[in-house]
Structure formats: C-alpha cells, structure tokens
Protein backbone atom coordinates (compact mmCIF):
# COMPACT_ATOMS: atom_id res chain seq x y z
CA MET A 1 19.75 -0.12 -92.48
CA ASN A 2 19.64 -3.80 -93.31
CA THR A 3 16.45 -6.31 -92.26
CA PRO A 4 17.06 -9.88 -91.06
CA GLY A 5 15.02 -12.18 -92.06
CA THR A 6 15.18 -15.34 -93.98
CA GLY A 7 15.97 -14.40 -97.59
CA GLY A 8 18.74 -16.66 -98.05
CA ASN A 9 21.25 -15.55 -95.30
CA GLY A 10 21.79 -18.93 -93.74
CA LEU A 11 20.30 -17.11 -90.18
CA PRO A 12 17.11 -18.31 -88.24
CA ASP A 13 13.95 -16.30 -88.16
CA LEU A 14 13.25 -14.23 -85.08
CA PRO A 15 10.21 -14.88 -83.28
CA PRO A 16 6.86 -13.56 -84.95
CA GLU A 17 6.10 -11.92 -81.73
CA TRP A 18 9.27 -9.32 -82.16
CA GLY A 19 7.55 -7.71 -84.99
CA ARG A 20 9.54 -6.30 -87.64
CA VAL A 21 13.58 -5.49 -86.42
CA VAL A 22 15.30 -2.96 -87.83
CA VAL A 23 19.21 -2.91 -87.30
CA PRO A 24 21.22 -0.03 -87.70
CA ASP A 25 23.90 0.87 -90.23
CA ASP A 26 25.30 3.20 -87.16
CA ALA A 27 25.23 1.55 -83.53
CA SER A 28 24.91 5.46 -82.24
CA ALA A 29 21.86 5.47 -83.22
CA LEU A 30 21.31 2.62 -80.71
CA ALA A 31 22.87 4.77 -77.75
CA GLN A 32 19.05 5.83 -76.82
CA GLU A 33 17.56 2.64 -76.54
CA ALA A 34 20.73 1.14 -75.02
CA ALA A 35 20.25 4.24 -71.97
CA GLN A 36 16.55 2.87 -71.40
CA VAL A 37 17.95 -0.57 -70.99
CA ARG A 38 20.61 0.14 -68.33
CA ARG A 39 18.33 2.75 -66.74
CA GLU A 40 15.60 -0.33 -66.37
CA LEU A 41 18.35 -2.88 -65.36
CA ARG A 42 19.33 -0.37 -62.40
CA GLU A 43 16.01 -0.12 -61.58
CA ARG A 44 15.57 -3.96 -60.99
CA ALA A 45 18.72 -4.24 -59.43
CA ARG A 46 17.23 -1.47 -56.17
CA LEU A 47 14.02 -3.21 -56.39
CA ALA A 48 16.09 -6.84 -55.77
CA ALA A 49 17.96 -4.93 -53.05
CA ARG A 50 15.25 -3.44 -51.42
CA ARG A 51 13.68 -6.99 -51.14
CA ARG A 52 16.76 -8.70 -49.92
CA PHE A 53 16.70 -5.68 -46.92
CA GLY A 54 13.25 -6.04 -46.74
CA ALA A 55 13.54 -10.46 -45.80
CA LEU A 56 16.61 -9.18 -43.37
CA ARG A 57 14.81 -6.33 -41.52
CA GLN A 58 12.53 -8.24 -39.16
CA PRO A 59 15.53 -10.22 -37.95
CA LEU A 60 18.27 -7.21 -37.40
CA VAL A 61 15.07 -5.21 -35.36
CA TRP A 62 14.44 -8.54 -33.02
CA LEU A 63 18.48 -8.85 -32.79
CA VAL A 64 18.67 -4.95 -31.75
CA VAL A 65 15.84 -5.53 -29.03
CA ALA A 66 17.47 -8.35 -27.96
CA VAL A 67 20.54 -6.46 -27.22
CA LEU A 68 19.02 -3.68 -25.75
CA ILE A 69 17.13 -5.98 -23.53
CA THR A 70 19.96 -7.77 -22.11
CA LEU A 71 22.48 -4.41 -21.67
CA ALA A 72 19.60 -3.12 -19.62
CA GLY A 73 19.42 -5.73 -17.37
CA LEU A 74 22.97 -5.62 -16.84
CA ALA A 75 22.91 -2.51 -16.16
CA ALA A 76 20.23 -2.61 -13.40
CA VAL A 77 22.21 -5.30 -12.25
CA THR A 78 25.07 -3.65 -11.53
CA ARG A 79 23.90 -0.07 -10.61
CA PRO A 80 24.32 0.26 -6.72
CA GLY A 81 21.63 0.75 -4.99
CA PRO A 82 20.08 3.73 -3.16
CA THR A 83 21.65 4.71 0.61
CA ALA A 84 20.16 3.96 3.28
CA THR A 85 18.66 6.05 5.13
CA PRO A 86 17.85 6.14 8.86
CA ALA A 87 13.79 5.87 9.95
CA GLU A 88 12.39 8.92 11.25
CA GLY A 89 13.31 9.33 15.10
CA VAL A 90 15.83 6.72 14.65
CA SER A 91 19.87 7.91 15.29
CA SER A 92 22.90 6.70 13.29
CA SER A 93 25.37 7.33 16.09
CA PRO A 94 26.55 4.51 17.74
CA ALA A 95 24.50 2.28 20.59
CA ALA A 96 24.94 4.39 23.20
CA PRO A 97 26.43 2.09 26.73
CA PRO A 98 24.07 0.51 29.16
CA ALA A 99 22.94 2.55 31.55
CA ALA A 100 24.72 1.91 34.87
CA PRO A 101 23.01 0.31 37.31
CA THR A 102 23.79 2.46 40.38
CA GLY A 103 19.79 3.62 41.01
CA ARG A 104 17.59 1.91 39.20
CA PRO A 105 15.80 -1.40 40.99
CA LEU A 106 17.34 -4.78 41.42
CA PRO A 107 15.74 -7.25 39.09
CA ALA A 108 13.84 -10.04 40.58
CA LEU A 109 16.32 -12.98 40.30
CA ASP A 110 15.97 -16.13 41.52
CA LEU A 111 19.61 -17.67 42.43
CA VAL A 112 20.00 -21.55 44.29
CA ASP A 113 21.24 -22.40 47.49
CA THR A 114 23.09 -25.24 48.54
CA GLY A 115 19.97 -27.81 48.28
CA GLN A 116 19.44 -26.51 44.91
CA ASN A 117 16.63 -24.51 46.66
CA PRO A 118 15.80 -21.32 44.45
CA VAL A 119 16.25 -18.35 46.56
CA PRO A 120 14.33 -15.01 45.38
CA LEU A 121 17.27 -12.34 45.48
CA ARG A 122 14.95 -9.62 46.65
CA SER A 123 13.59 -11.45 49.86
CA LEU A 124 17.31 -10.52 51.26
CA LEU A 125 16.80 -6.89 51.28
CA PRO A 126 18.81 -4.53 52.11
CA MET A 127 22.09 -6.57 51.67
CA MET A 128 25.06 -6.50 50.13
CA ILE A 129 26.25 -9.09 47.11
CA ILE A 130 29.64 -10.07 46.07
CA LEU A 131 30.47 -11.75 42.95
CA VAL A 132 32.44 -14.59 43.95
CA ASP A 133 32.84 -16.16 40.87
CA GLY A 134 35.92 -14.46 38.84
CA CYS A 135 37.55 -14.25 42.69
CA ALA A 136 37.09 -15.90 45.70
CA CYS A 137 39.20 -13.22 47.32
CA PRO A 138 38.25 -14.59 50.75
CA GLU A 139 39.91 -11.69 53.08
CA ARG A 140 37.48 -9.20 51.47
CA VAL A 141 34.69 -11.11 51.66
CA SER A 142 35.72 -12.01 55.77
CA GLU A 143 36.42 -8.32 56.12
CA ALA A 144 33.04 -7.13 54.44
CA ALA A 145 31.08 -9.91 56.91
CA ALA A 146 32.64 -8.58 60.07
CA ALA A 147 31.88 -4.89 59.21
CA ALA A 148 28.21 -5.17 58.24
CA PRO A 149 25.28 -4.70 60.48
CA PRO A 150 22.96 -6.98 61.59
CA GLN A 151 19.94 -5.75 59.56
CA VAL A 152 22.61 -6.19 56.09
CA ASN A 153 22.59 -9.62 54.46
CA LEU A 154 25.59 -10.15 53.24
CA VAL A 155 25.31 -12.62 49.91
CA ALA A 156 28.00 -14.25 48.54
CA VAL A 157 27.33 -15.61 44.76
CA THR A 158 28.90 -17.65 42.73
CA GLY A 159 28.62 -18.83 38.88
CA GLY A 160 28.17 -22.55 39.41
CA ARG A 161 25.01 -24.72 39.29
CA SER A 162 24.95 -25.08 42.89
CA ALA A 163 26.26 -23.15 46.33
CA PRO A 164 29.10 -24.11 47.84
CA SER A 165 28.82 -25.20 51.38
CA ALA A 166 30.27 -22.64 52.78
CA PRO A 167 31.26 -19.24 52.09
CA PRO A 168 34.47 -18.20 50.86
CA GLY A 169 37.13 -17.85 53.60
CA GLY A 170 34.94 -19.65 55.95
CA SER A 171 33.22 -16.18 57.62
CA THR A 172 30.59 -16.11 59.30
CA GLY A 173 26.84 -14.72 58.42
CA THR A 174 27.55 -14.57 55.21
CA ARG A 175 25.12 -16.71 52.72
CA THR A 176 26.16 -18.05 49.69
CA LEU A 177 24.03 -18.27 46.72
CA ALA A 178 25.01 -19.65 43.17
CA ASP A 179 23.55 -17.60 40.17
CA PRO A 180 23.51 -20.54 37.25
CA ALA A 181 22.50 -18.64 34.45
CA GLY A 182 24.51 -15.39 35.42
CA GLY A 183 21.43 -12.65 35.55
CA LEU A 184 23.25 -10.75 37.96
CA ARG A 185 26.18 -10.14 35.80
CA SER A 186 24.02 -9.26 32.39
CA PHE A 187 22.47 -6.86 35.10
CA LEU A 188 26.11 -5.06 35.39
CA HIS A 189 27.54 -5.59 32.21
CA LEU A 190 30.58 -6.31 34.21
CA SER A 191 33.14 -9.44 33.09
CA PRO A 192 34.29 -12.15 35.62
CA ARG A 193 38.26 -11.28 36.72
CA PRO A 194 40.20 -13.16 38.30
CA ASP A 195 41.91 -10.50 40.69
CA ALA A 196 38.75 -8.87 42.21
CA ALA A 197 35.49 -9.64 43.38
CA VAL A 198 32.59 -7.36 42.79
CA ALA A 199 30.07 -5.52 45.14
CA VAL A 200 26.16 -4.40 45.03
CA LEU A 201 24.84 -2.83 47.98
CA VAL A 202 21.12 -2.55 47.70
CA ASP A 203 18.61 -0.59 50.04
CA ARG A 204 15.34 -2.12 51.50
CA SER A 205 13.71 -0.76 48.55
CA GLY A 206 15.26 -2.71 46.44
CA THR A 207 17.46 0.17 44.38
CA VAL A 208 20.75 -0.42 43.96
CA VAL A 209 22.73 2.21 45.92
CA ARG A 210 26.62 1.69 44.70
CA VAL A 211 28.39 -0.75 42.72
CA LEU A 212 32.20 -1.47 43.24
CA PRO A 213 33.80 -3.29 40.30
CA GLN A 214 36.37 -4.00 42.35
CA LEU A 215 35.79 -4.70 45.93
CA GLY A 216 38.46 -2.83 47.86
CA PRO A 217 39.21 -2.19 51.55
CA ILE A 218 35.97 -1.70 54.12
CA GLU A 219 37.37 2.23 54.55
CA THR A 220 36.00 2.59 50.85
CA TYR A 221 32.69 1.59 51.19
CA ARG A 222 31.72 1.17 55.26
CA ALA A 223 29.35 4.59 54.97
CA ASP A 224 27.49 3.34 52.67
CA LEU A 225 27.35 -0.61 54.42
CA THR A 226 25.84 1.35 57.48
CA ALA A 227 23.56 3.47 55.77
CA LEU A 228 21.74 0.22 54.54
CA ALA A 229 20.78 -0.32 58.16
CA ALA A 230 19.05 2.96 58.15
C-alpha cells in the first residue's frame, strides 16, 4: 500500500485531523467501510424523512378533523327527522264532522231588526226560524206563516246588516231580522243555497227540535210546528 503525503508527488497534504490515511492497493479491502458508509447514509435519509413527516403530520391531522366535522354536519342536516307520533289521548284519525244541532240548545244570538236594534233570539221562544239569506222562497215563508199556531213565533232571517221592512212574500205574522255576523249559519254548519231556505224549529226551553236543510211543503213539518205550541 502507498501512503499519500508530500513526498514530491505534487498532491497537497491532507488535513492533519484526518490522521494517517492508508490507501489500499486492492479496492475490495474497502468493502466493509463502504457498507458502513451506505448504512449511515440510509439511516440519515430515514431520519430526514421522519423529520419531514413530523412537520407535515399536525396539518394533516387538523385537515382530517375538519373533513370529519363537515361530513358529520351534512349527515345531521340530510338525515330525516323522527316521525311524529300522536300525543297520548289524541287520535290520529280525521276530525269528526260537526255534531248535528238537533237536540242542542240554540246559542244566545242577538240579531237586528229594521231599526238596527238588537233582538235576543232566545226571547222569541218557541219559534220557527227560516233562513232566507240564500233563497227568499216567499211561497214557503207564506205557507209556514199560515200554518204556525199563534203561540209560535215565525222569524225570517236575512244575511244583511239590516232587516228588510217587509217579510218575504208579504206574509203577515212573520218577524224579519238580520244576522250580519252569520251566527246561525255557523251554528248549523249549512251554506246558503239559491234554491232552498233552511228552517229551524226551537221549543220553549230553547232546544232545537228539528232542522230542515231544505224547507218543503207544510205537510213535511206540520206536526213538529204544532208540537211547539204545546
């Protein structure tokens, strides 16, 4: 083996801290040292990769957390809510139709006369009420007035703000009142019809004994009208 130095070979001296450097004649003699150097280089490369990953790990963790929070919020918004269940004691079936007014007390309604004076409807008991706001039906009103006993009041009710000065058909013995608020119609749950008048028979106690959605010939209700006078 040759020992490099300054023995006139033209090469500069090596740094003194390197110590004595021996260069073998056969390069295979350096195989062990070369393997050691490669191991050290690989270890340094792994350490450098770990340091780079450590520097990136925290931002990646925050990014993953932000994505998970966003996905959880979207799932909460798009998830269908719980199906509402009926409260205890509340039926889920359709609402029942209004109860029939027959057998129920007539509400304490105040109607108005021709002079705009309030008239308590229950002050006229017993009575037969004929709603003529949809159909004047003068022949039916006259027929009822002629058949009504003296003890029974016959009241023709219009839907305007004031009652007309004369009853439909000019029938005598008929009192005409107006129901501006439509209280009777609301009580009966019947809409006005242009081809029929509605009649309500109420006894002395104020109880509705019969409702005629379409007032017909006197023979269809004569017995009920007579019973009101008893």
